[in-house]
Amino acid sequence: IYFAPSEAGRVLCINAEGNVELLGPEISGGSAYSGHGVLAPTGCIYFAPYEATRVLCINTEGHVELLEPEIPGAASKYVAGGVLAPTGCIYFAPSVASRVMCINREGNVELLEPEIPGGVYKYVAGGVLAPNGCIYFAPSEAGRVLCI
């Protein structure tokens, strides 16, 4: 079981025997990650940045990596939990960030067009995968439902 650091400096791992260990590099800053991780078909777990500047990836061996590119902005970049689409891509709706973030099947991070206007907390609730294959995020201050 893996936990992304919020105020802590490193990833927390609880192994099958119940032992606890810290993994990966020291992650500086305040509330680095706040949302839950999303498990990709590859076995990697991805966490969107809150105050951190990069996406956190934990692979099947417990290796921790901070992915490029750097995500601009201050706190609350991505608050809502991400959703795994039928295509194998993972989508995160922006809170303070201006664009939807996609992690494709190869594990590459993309910031999608167009920019999304709105308040400070555009989307804060986790998204939902509908039977039609679309992902929906309910608005907080965005003023409209986000459909991917």
N, C-alpha and C. Protein backbone atom coordinates (compact mmCIF):
# COMPACT_ATOMS: atom_id res chain seq x y z
N ILE A 1 0.86 -1.17 0.00
CA ILE A 1 0.00 0.00 0.00
C ILE A 1 0.90 1.23 0.00
N TYR A 2 0.60 2.17 -0.88
CA TYR A 2 1.41 3.38 -1.00
C TYR A 2 0.58 4.62 -0.70
N PHE A 3 1.21 5.56 0.00
CA PHE A 3 0.59 6.84 0.32
C PHE A 3 1.50 7.95 -0.16
N ALA A 4 0.94 8.87 -0.94
CA ALA A 4 1.72 10.03 -1.40
C ALA A 4 1.86 11.01 -0.24
N PRO A 5 2.98 11.71 -0.18
CA PRO A 5 3.17 12.66 0.91
C PRO A 5 2.35 13.92 0.73
N SER A 6 1.73 14.34 1.81
CA SER A 6 1.10 15.66 1.82
C SER A 6 2.09 16.58 2.54
N GLU A 7 2.12 16.54 3.85
CA GLU A 7 3.08 17.34 4.61
C GLU A 7 4.37 16.56 4.89
N ALA A 8 4.33 15.25 4.72
CA ALA A 8 5.53 14.43 4.91
C ALA A 8 6.46 14.63 3.73
N GLY A 9 7.69 14.20 3.85
CA GLY A 9 8.65 14.43 2.79
C GLY A 9 8.82 13.31 1.79
N ARG A 10 8.29 12.10 2.11
CA ARG A 10 8.51 10.96 1.23
C ARG A 10 7.26 10.08 1.16
N VAL A 11 7.25 9.18 0.18
CA VAL A 11 6.16 8.23 0.02
C VAL A 11 6.21 7.22 1.16
N LEU A 12 5.04 6.89 1.70
CA LEU A 12 4.91 5.90 2.77
C LEU A 12 4.43 4.59 2.16
N CYS A 13 5.10 3.50 2.51
CA CYS A 13 4.74 2.17 2.01
C CYS A 13 4.47 1.26 3.20
N ILE A 14 3.35 0.53 3.12
CA ILE A 14 3.07 -0.53 4.09
C ILE A 14 3.10 -1.83 3.29
N ASN A 15 4.08 -2.69 3.59
CA ASN A 15 4.22 -3.91 2.79
C ASN A 15 3.28 -5.01 3.28
N ALA A 16 3.32 -6.16 2.62
CA ALA A 16 2.41 -7.27 2.91
C ALA A 16 2.54 -7.80 4.33
N GLU A 17 3.71 -7.62 4.95
CA GLU A 17 3.92 -8.07 6.33
C GLU A 17 3.50 -7.02 7.34
N GLY A 18 3.07 -5.86 6.87
CA GLY A 18 2.67 -4.79 7.77
C GLY A 18 3.79 -3.86 8.18
N ASN A 19 4.96 -4.05 7.60
CA ASN A 19 6.09 -3.16 7.90
C ASN A 19 5.95 -1.85 7.14
N VAL A 20 6.40 -0.78 7.77
CA VAL A 20 6.28 0.55 7.19
C VAL A 20 7.66 1.05 6.80
N GLU A 21 7.75 1.64 5.60
CA GLU A 21 9.01 2.24 5.17
C GLU A 21 8.73 3.48 4.33
N LEU A 22 9.72 4.35 4.25
CA LEU A 22 9.65 5.54 3.42
C LEU A 22 10.41 5.28 2.14
N LEU A 23 9.84 5.72 1.01
CA LEU A 23 10.44 5.45 -0.29
C LEU A 23 10.67 6.74 -1.07
N GLY A 24 11.60 6.67 -2.02
CA GLY A 24 11.79 7.73 -2.99
C GLY A 24 12.51 8.95 -2.47
N PRO A 25 12.59 9.94 -3.35
CA PRO A 25 13.32 11.16 -3.01
C PRO A 25 12.54 12.01 -2.01
N GLU A 26 13.26 12.89 -1.35
CA GLU A 26 12.64 13.87 -0.45
C GLU A 26 11.87 14.86 -1.33
N ILE A 27 10.61 15.09 -0.99
CA ILE A 27 9.77 16.02 -1.76
C ILE A 27 9.54 17.25 -0.90
N SER A 28 10.08 18.37 -1.35
CA SER A 28 9.99 19.59 -0.56
C SER A 28 8.69 20.32 -0.83
N GLY A 29 8.39 21.26 0.05
CA GLY A 29 7.17 22.05 -0.11
C GLY A 29 6.13 21.65 0.91
N GLY A 30 5.05 22.36 0.89
CA GLY A 30 3.96 22.13 1.85
C GLY A 30 3.16 20.89 1.50
N SER A 31 1.92 21.08 1.19
CA SER A 31 1.01 19.98 0.88
C SER A 31 1.27 19.49 -0.54
N ALA A 32 2.22 18.60 -0.69
CA ALA A 32 2.67 18.17 -2.01
C ALA A 32 1.56 17.51 -2.83
N TYR A 33 0.90 16.50 -2.24
CA TYR A 33 -0.15 15.75 -2.93
C TYR A 33 -1.32 15.60 -1.97
N SER A 34 -2.55 15.77 -2.46
CA SER A 34 -3.69 15.66 -1.55
C SER A 34 -4.72 14.64 -2.00
N GLY A 35 -4.84 14.40 -3.29
CA GLY A 35 -5.84 13.47 -3.80
C GLY A 35 -5.37 12.04 -3.77
N HIS A 36 -6.29 11.14 -4.04
CA HIS A 36 -5.93 9.72 -4.09
C HIS A 36 -5.19 9.41 -5.38
N GLY A 37 -4.45 8.33 -5.36
CA GLY A 37 -3.74 7.89 -6.55
C GLY A 37 -4.65 7.09 -7.46
N VAL A 38 -4.23 6.97 -8.71
CA VAL A 38 -4.99 6.19 -9.68
C VAL A 38 -4.07 5.10 -10.23
N LEU A 39 -4.55 3.86 -10.17
CA LEU A 39 -3.80 2.71 -10.65
C LEU A 39 -4.00 2.57 -12.16
N ALA A 40 -2.90 2.60 -12.90
CA ALA A 40 -2.94 2.44 -14.36
C ALA A 40 -2.87 0.96 -14.73
N PRO A 41 -3.25 0.60 -15.94
CA PRO A 41 -3.16 -0.79 -16.38
C PRO A 41 -1.73 -1.35 -16.32
N THR A 42 -0.74 -0.50 -16.35
CA THR A 42 0.67 -0.91 -16.27
C THR A 42 1.09 -1.31 -14.86
N GLY A 43 0.23 -1.02 -13.87
CA GLY A 43 0.57 -1.29 -12.48
C GLY A 43 1.13 -0.07 -11.76
N CYS A 44 1.43 0.99 -12.51
CA CYS A 44 1.92 2.22 -11.88
C CYS A 44 0.76 2.97 -11.23
N ILE A 45 1.07 3.67 -10.14
CA ILE A 45 0.09 4.50 -9.45
C ILE A 45 0.52 5.94 -9.66
N TYR A 46 -0.44 6.78 -10.06
CA TYR A 46 -0.15 8.19 -10.34
C TYR A 46 -0.92 9.10 -9.39
N PHE A 47 -0.22 10.14 -8.90
CA PHE A 47 -0.81 11.15 -8.02
C PHE A 47 -0.61 12.52 -8.66
N ALA A 48 -1.68 13.29 -8.75
CA ALA A 48 -1.60 14.64 -9.31
C ALA A 48 -1.06 15.61 -8.27
N PRO A 49 -0.30 16.62 -8.70
CA PRO A 49 0.28 17.57 -7.74
C PRO A 49 -0.76 18.53 -7.17
N TYR A 50 -0.63 18.78 -5.90
CA TYR A 50 -1.42 19.80 -5.20
C TYR A 50 -0.54 21.04 -5.10
N GLU A 51 0.50 21.01 -4.25
CA GLU A 51 1.50 22.07 -4.22
C GLU A 51 2.80 21.63 -4.90
N ALA A 52 2.97 20.35 -5.08
CA ALA A 52 4.16 19.84 -5.76
C ALA A 52 4.18 20.35 -7.20
N THR A 53 5.30 20.21 -7.85
CA THR A 53 5.41 20.71 -9.22
C THR A 53 5.37 19.60 -10.26
N ARG A 54 5.38 18.33 -9.83
CA ARG A 54 5.39 17.22 -10.78
C ARG A 54 4.44 16.11 -10.35
N VAL A 55 4.00 15.33 -11.32
CA VAL A 55 3.19 14.15 -11.06
C VAL A 55 4.08 13.11 -10.37
N LEU A 56 3.53 12.44 -9.37
CA LEU A 56 4.22 11.39 -8.64
C LEU A 56 3.81 10.05 -9.22
N CYS A 57 4.79 9.21 -9.56
CA CYS A 57 4.54 7.88 -10.11
C CYS A 57 5.25 6.85 -9.24
N ILE A 58 4.52 5.80 -8.85
CA ILE A 58 5.10 4.68 -8.12
C ILE A 58 4.89 3.44 -8.98
N ASN A 59 5.99 2.77 -9.36
CA ASN A 59 5.83 1.60 -10.23
C ASN A 59 5.63 0.33 -9.42
N THR A 60 5.51 -0.80 -10.11
CA THR A 60 5.18 -2.07 -9.47
C THR A 60 6.25 -2.58 -8.52
N GLU A 61 7.49 -2.09 -8.65
CA GLU A 61 8.56 -2.48 -7.72
C GLU A 61 8.71 -1.50 -6.57
N GLY A 62 7.86 -0.47 -6.53
CA GLY A 62 7.95 0.52 -5.46
C GLY A 62 8.93 1.64 -5.76
N HIS A 63 9.40 1.73 -7.00
CA HIS A 63 10.28 2.84 -7.39
C HIS A 63 9.45 4.10 -7.53
N VAL A 64 9.93 5.19 -6.94
CA VAL A 64 9.21 6.47 -6.95
C VAL A 64 9.89 7.40 -7.93
N GLU A 65 9.07 8.03 -8.79
CA GLU A 65 9.60 8.95 -9.80
C GLU A 65 8.71 10.19 -9.86
N LEU A 66 9.35 11.34 -10.05
CA LEU A 66 8.64 12.60 -10.27
C LEU A 66 8.71 12.89 -11.77
N LEU A 67 7.56 12.93 -12.42
CA LEU A 67 7.51 13.01 -13.87
C LEU A 67 7.55 14.44 -14.39
N GLU A 68 8.14 14.60 -15.56
CA GLU A 68 8.12 15.86 -16.31
C GLU A 68 6.80 15.93 -17.06
N PRO A 69 6.33 17.09 -17.42
CA PRO A 69 6.92 18.41 -17.19
C PRO A 69 6.53 18.95 -15.83
N GLU A 70 7.18 20.04 -15.44
CA GLU A 70 6.74 20.75 -14.24
C GLU A 70 5.38 21.36 -14.51
N ILE A 71 4.50 21.29 -13.52
CA ILE A 71 3.16 21.84 -13.62
C ILE A 71 3.18 23.22 -12.97
N PRO A 72 2.89 24.27 -13.73
CA PRO A 72 2.96 25.63 -13.17
C PRO A 72 1.83 25.90 -12.19
N GLY A 73 2.03 26.90 -11.37
CA GLY A 73 0.98 27.34 -10.45
C GLY A 73 1.35 27.10 -9.00
N ALA A 74 0.50 27.62 -8.14
CA ALA A 74 0.71 27.52 -6.70
C ALA A 74 -0.07 26.34 -6.14
N ALA A 75 -0.60 26.51 -4.96
CA ALA A 75 -1.33 25.44 -4.28
C ALA A 75 -2.64 25.10 -4.99
N SER A 76 -3.14 23.94 -4.68
CA SER A 76 -4.44 23.46 -5.16
C SER A 76 -4.51 23.26 -6.66
N LYS A 77 -3.40 22.88 -7.30
CA LYS A 77 -3.40 22.68 -8.75
C LYS A 77 -4.48 21.67 -9.15
N TYR A 78 -4.41 20.48 -8.52
CA TYR A 78 -5.37 19.41 -8.79
C TYR A 78 -5.84 18.86 -7.45
N VAL A 79 -7.13 18.95 -7.20
CA VAL A 79 -7.72 18.51 -5.94
C VAL A 79 -8.57 17.25 -6.17
N ALA A 80 -9.34 17.24 -7.24
CA ALA A 80 -10.23 16.12 -7.54
C ALA A 80 -9.42 14.88 -7.87
N GLY A 81 -9.89 13.74 -7.44
CA GLY A 81 -9.25 12.48 -7.79
C GLY A 81 -9.36 12.22 -9.28
N GLY A 82 -8.36 11.58 -9.85
CA GLY A 82 -8.37 11.27 -11.27
C GLY A 82 -9.20 10.06 -11.58
N VAL A 83 -9.42 9.85 -12.89
CA VAL A 83 -10.24 8.73 -13.36
C VAL A 83 -9.52 8.03 -14.50
N LEU A 84 -9.50 6.70 -14.45
CA LEU A 84 -8.94 5.88 -15.52
C LEU A 84 -10.00 5.69 -16.60
N ALA A 85 -9.69 6.12 -17.83
CA ALA A 85 -10.61 5.98 -18.95
C ALA A 85 -10.45 4.60 -19.60
N PRO A 86 -11.43 4.16 -20.37
CA PRO A 86 -11.32 2.87 -21.07
C PRO A 86 -10.12 2.81 -22.02
N THR A 87 -9.61 3.93 -22.44
CA THR A 87 -8.44 4.00 -23.33
C THR A 87 -7.13 3.71 -22.61
N GLY A 88 -7.16 3.68 -21.26
CA GLY A 88 -5.95 3.50 -20.47
C GLY A 88 -5.33 4.81 -20.03
N CYS A 89 -5.88 5.92 -20.49
CA CYS A 89 -5.41 7.24 -20.05
C CYS A 89 -6.07 7.61 -18.72
N ILE A 90 -5.37 8.41 -17.93
CA ILE A 90 -5.90 8.89 -16.65
C ILE A 90 -6.10 10.39 -16.78
N TYR A 91 -7.25 10.88 -16.32
CA TYR A 91 -7.58 12.30 -16.43
C TYR A 91 -7.80 12.90 -15.04
N PHE A 92 -7.24 14.10 -14.86
CA PHE A 92 -7.43 14.88 -13.63
C PHE A 92 -8.00 16.24 -14.02
N ALA A 93 -9.09 16.63 -13.36
CA ALA A 93 -9.70 17.94 -13.61
C ALA A 93 -8.95 19.01 -12.81
N PRO A 94 -8.81 20.20 -13.39
CA PRO A 94 -8.07 21.26 -12.70
C PRO A 94 -8.86 21.90 -11.57
N SER A 95 -8.14 22.30 -10.55
CA SER A 95 -8.72 23.13 -9.49
C SER A 95 -8.22 24.55 -9.73
N VAL A 96 -6.99 24.85 -9.32
CA VAL A 96 -6.38 26.14 -9.63
C VAL A 96 -5.66 26.08 -10.98
N ALA A 97 -5.16 24.91 -11.35
CA ALA A 97 -4.52 24.74 -12.65
C ALA A 97 -5.51 25.14 -13.74
N SER A 98 -5.00 25.42 -14.92
CA SER A 98 -5.87 25.92 -15.98
C SER A 98 -6.27 24.86 -17.00
N ARG A 99 -5.66 23.68 -16.95
CA ARG A 99 -5.94 22.66 -17.96
C ARG A 99 -6.17 21.29 -17.36
N VAL A 100 -6.93 20.47 -18.06
CA VAL A 100 -7.08 19.07 -17.70
C VAL A 100 -5.72 18.41 -17.89
N MET A 101 -5.36 17.56 -16.94
CA MET A 101 -4.11 16.83 -17.05
C MET A 101 -4.41 15.38 -17.43
N CYS A 102 -3.65 14.88 -18.41
CA CYS A 102 -3.81 13.51 -18.88
C CYS A 102 -2.49 12.79 -18.72
N ILE A 103 -2.54 11.58 -18.20
CA ILE A 103 -1.39 10.69 -18.19
C ILE A 103 -1.72 9.58 -19.18
N ASN A 104 -0.98 9.55 -20.27
CA ASN A 104 -1.33 8.59 -21.33
C ASN A 104 -0.85 7.18 -20.99
N ARG A 105 -1.14 6.23 -21.87
CA ARG A 105 -0.82 4.83 -21.60
C ARG A 105 0.67 4.57 -21.43
N GLU A 106 1.50 5.44 -21.99
CA GLU A 106 2.95 5.29 -21.87
C GLU A 106 3.48 5.96 -20.60
N GLY A 107 2.61 6.63 -19.85
CA GLY A 107 3.03 7.30 -18.63
C GLY A 107 3.52 8.72 -18.84
N ASN A 108 3.24 9.29 -20.00
CA ASN A 108 3.62 10.67 -20.27
C ASN A 108 2.53 11.62 -19.80
N VAL A 109 2.94 12.75 -19.24
CA VAL A 109 2.01 13.75 -18.71
C VAL A 109 1.75 14.80 -19.78
N GLU A 110 0.47 15.07 -20.02
CA GLU A 110 0.07 16.09 -20.99
C GLU A 110 -0.93 17.03 -20.35
N LEU A 111 -0.79 18.33 -20.63
CA LEU A 111 -1.78 19.32 -20.23
C LEU A 111 -2.62 19.64 -21.47
N LEU A 112 -3.89 19.34 -21.40
CA LEU A 112 -4.75 19.41 -22.57
C LEU A 112 -5.35 20.79 -22.77
N GLU A 113 -5.56 21.13 -24.03
CA GLU A 113 -6.28 22.35 -24.41
C GLU A 113 -7.77 22.03 -24.37
N PRO A 114 -8.62 23.00 -24.20
CA PRO A 114 -8.33 24.42 -23.99
C PRO A 114 -8.12 24.72 -22.51
N GLU A 115 -7.69 25.94 -22.23
CA GLU A 115 -7.64 26.39 -20.83
C GLU A 115 -9.07 26.49 -20.33
N ILE A 116 -9.25 26.18 -19.06
CA ILE A 116 -10.58 26.21 -18.46
C ILE A 116 -10.67 27.40 -17.52
N PRO A 117 -11.52 28.36 -17.85
CA PRO A 117 -11.69 29.51 -16.96
C PRO A 117 -12.53 29.11 -15.75
N GLY A 118 -12.53 29.95 -14.76
CA GLY A 118 -13.36 29.68 -13.59
C GLY A 118 -12.70 30.17 -12.33
N GLY A 119 -13.27 29.80 -11.22
CA GLY A 119 -12.79 30.24 -9.93
C GLY A 119 -11.53 29.53 -9.50
N VAL A 120 -11.19 29.74 -8.27
CA VAL A 120 -9.99 29.15 -7.70
C VAL A 120 -10.14 27.64 -7.60
N TYR A 121 -11.29 27.18 -7.22
CA TYR A 121 -11.54 25.74 -7.08
C TYR A 121 -12.52 25.29 -8.16
N LYS A 122 -12.03 25.15 -9.38
CA LYS A 122 -12.91 24.80 -10.50
C LYS A 122 -13.60 23.46 -10.27
N TYR A 123 -12.79 22.42 -9.96
CA TYR A 123 -13.30 21.07 -9.74
C TYR A 123 -12.58 20.49 -8.53
N VAL A 124 -13.33 20.01 -7.55
CA VAL A 124 -12.71 19.46 -6.34
C VAL A 124 -13.19 18.04 -6.02
N ALA A 125 -14.30 17.63 -6.59
CA ALA A 125 -14.81 16.27 -6.35
C ALA A 125 -14.27 15.34 -7.42
N GLY A 126 -14.07 14.08 -7.07
CA GLY A 126 -13.56 13.09 -8.01
C GLY A 126 -14.49 12.92 -9.20
N GLY A 127 -13.92 12.54 -10.31
CA GLY A 127 -14.70 12.31 -11.52
C GLY A 127 -15.36 10.95 -11.51
N VAL A 128 -16.26 10.77 -12.48
CA VAL A 128 -17.01 9.52 -12.61
C VAL A 128 -16.96 9.05 -14.05
N LEU A 129 -16.67 7.78 -14.25
CA LEU A 129 -16.70 7.18 -15.58
C LEU A 129 -18.12 6.68 -15.84
N ALA A 130 -18.75 7.24 -16.87
CA ALA A 130 -20.13 6.88 -17.21
C ALA A 130 -20.14 5.67 -18.16
N PRO A 131 -21.29 4.98 -18.25
CA PRO A 131 -21.40 3.83 -19.15
C PRO A 131 -21.10 4.17 -20.62
N ASN A 132 -21.25 5.44 -21.00
CA ASN A 132 -20.99 5.83 -22.38
C ASN A 132 -19.49 6.05 -22.65
N GLY A 133 -18.63 5.85 -21.62
CA GLY A 133 -17.19 6.01 -21.78
C GLY A 133 -16.68 7.41 -21.48
N CYS A 134 -17.61 8.36 -21.26
CA CYS A 134 -17.20 9.72 -20.92
C CYS A 134 -16.92 9.83 -19.42
N ILE A 135 -16.03 10.75 -19.08
CA ILE A 135 -15.72 11.03 -17.68
C ILE A 135 -16.33 12.38 -17.34
N TYR A 136 -17.04 12.44 -16.22
CA TYR A 136 -17.69 13.68 -15.79
C TYR A 136 -17.12 14.13 -14.45
N PHE A 137 -16.87 15.44 -14.35
CA PHE A 137 -16.47 16.07 -13.10
C PHE A 137 -17.51 17.14 -12.78
N ALA A 138 -18.06 17.11 -11.56
CA ALA A 138 -19.02 18.13 -11.14
C ALA A 138 -18.27 19.41 -10.80
N PRO A 139 -18.86 20.56 -11.14
CA PRO A 139 -18.18 21.83 -10.89
C PRO A 139 -18.24 22.24 -9.44
N SER A 140 -17.22 22.96 -9.02
CA SER A 140 -17.25 23.66 -7.74
C SER A 140 -17.45 25.13 -8.06
N GLU A 141 -16.40 25.80 -8.59
CA GLU A 141 -16.54 27.19 -9.01
C GLU A 141 -16.41 27.35 -10.52
N ALA A 142 -16.36 26.26 -11.25
CA ALA A 142 -16.18 26.33 -12.70
C ALA A 142 -17.43 26.80 -13.44
N GLY A 143 -18.60 26.54 -12.87
CA GLY A 143 -19.82 26.99 -13.52
C GLY A 143 -20.41 26.02 -14.52
N ARG A 144 -19.70 24.92 -14.81
CA ARG A 144 -20.24 23.92 -15.73
C ARG A 144 -19.61 22.57 -15.48
N VAL A 145 -20.34 21.52 -15.83
CA VAL A 145 -19.85 20.16 -15.72
C VAL A 145 -18.74 19.96 -16.76
N LEU A 146 -17.68 19.28 -16.36
CA LEU A 146 -16.60 18.97 -17.28
C LEU A 146 -16.81 17.56 -17.80
N CYS A 147 -16.83 17.41 -19.12
CA CYS A 147 -16.99 16.10 -19.75
C CYS A 147 -15.77 15.84 -20.60
N ILE A 148 -15.15 14.69 -20.37
CA ILE A 148 -13.98 14.28 -21.15
C ILE A 148 -14.34 13.03 -21.92
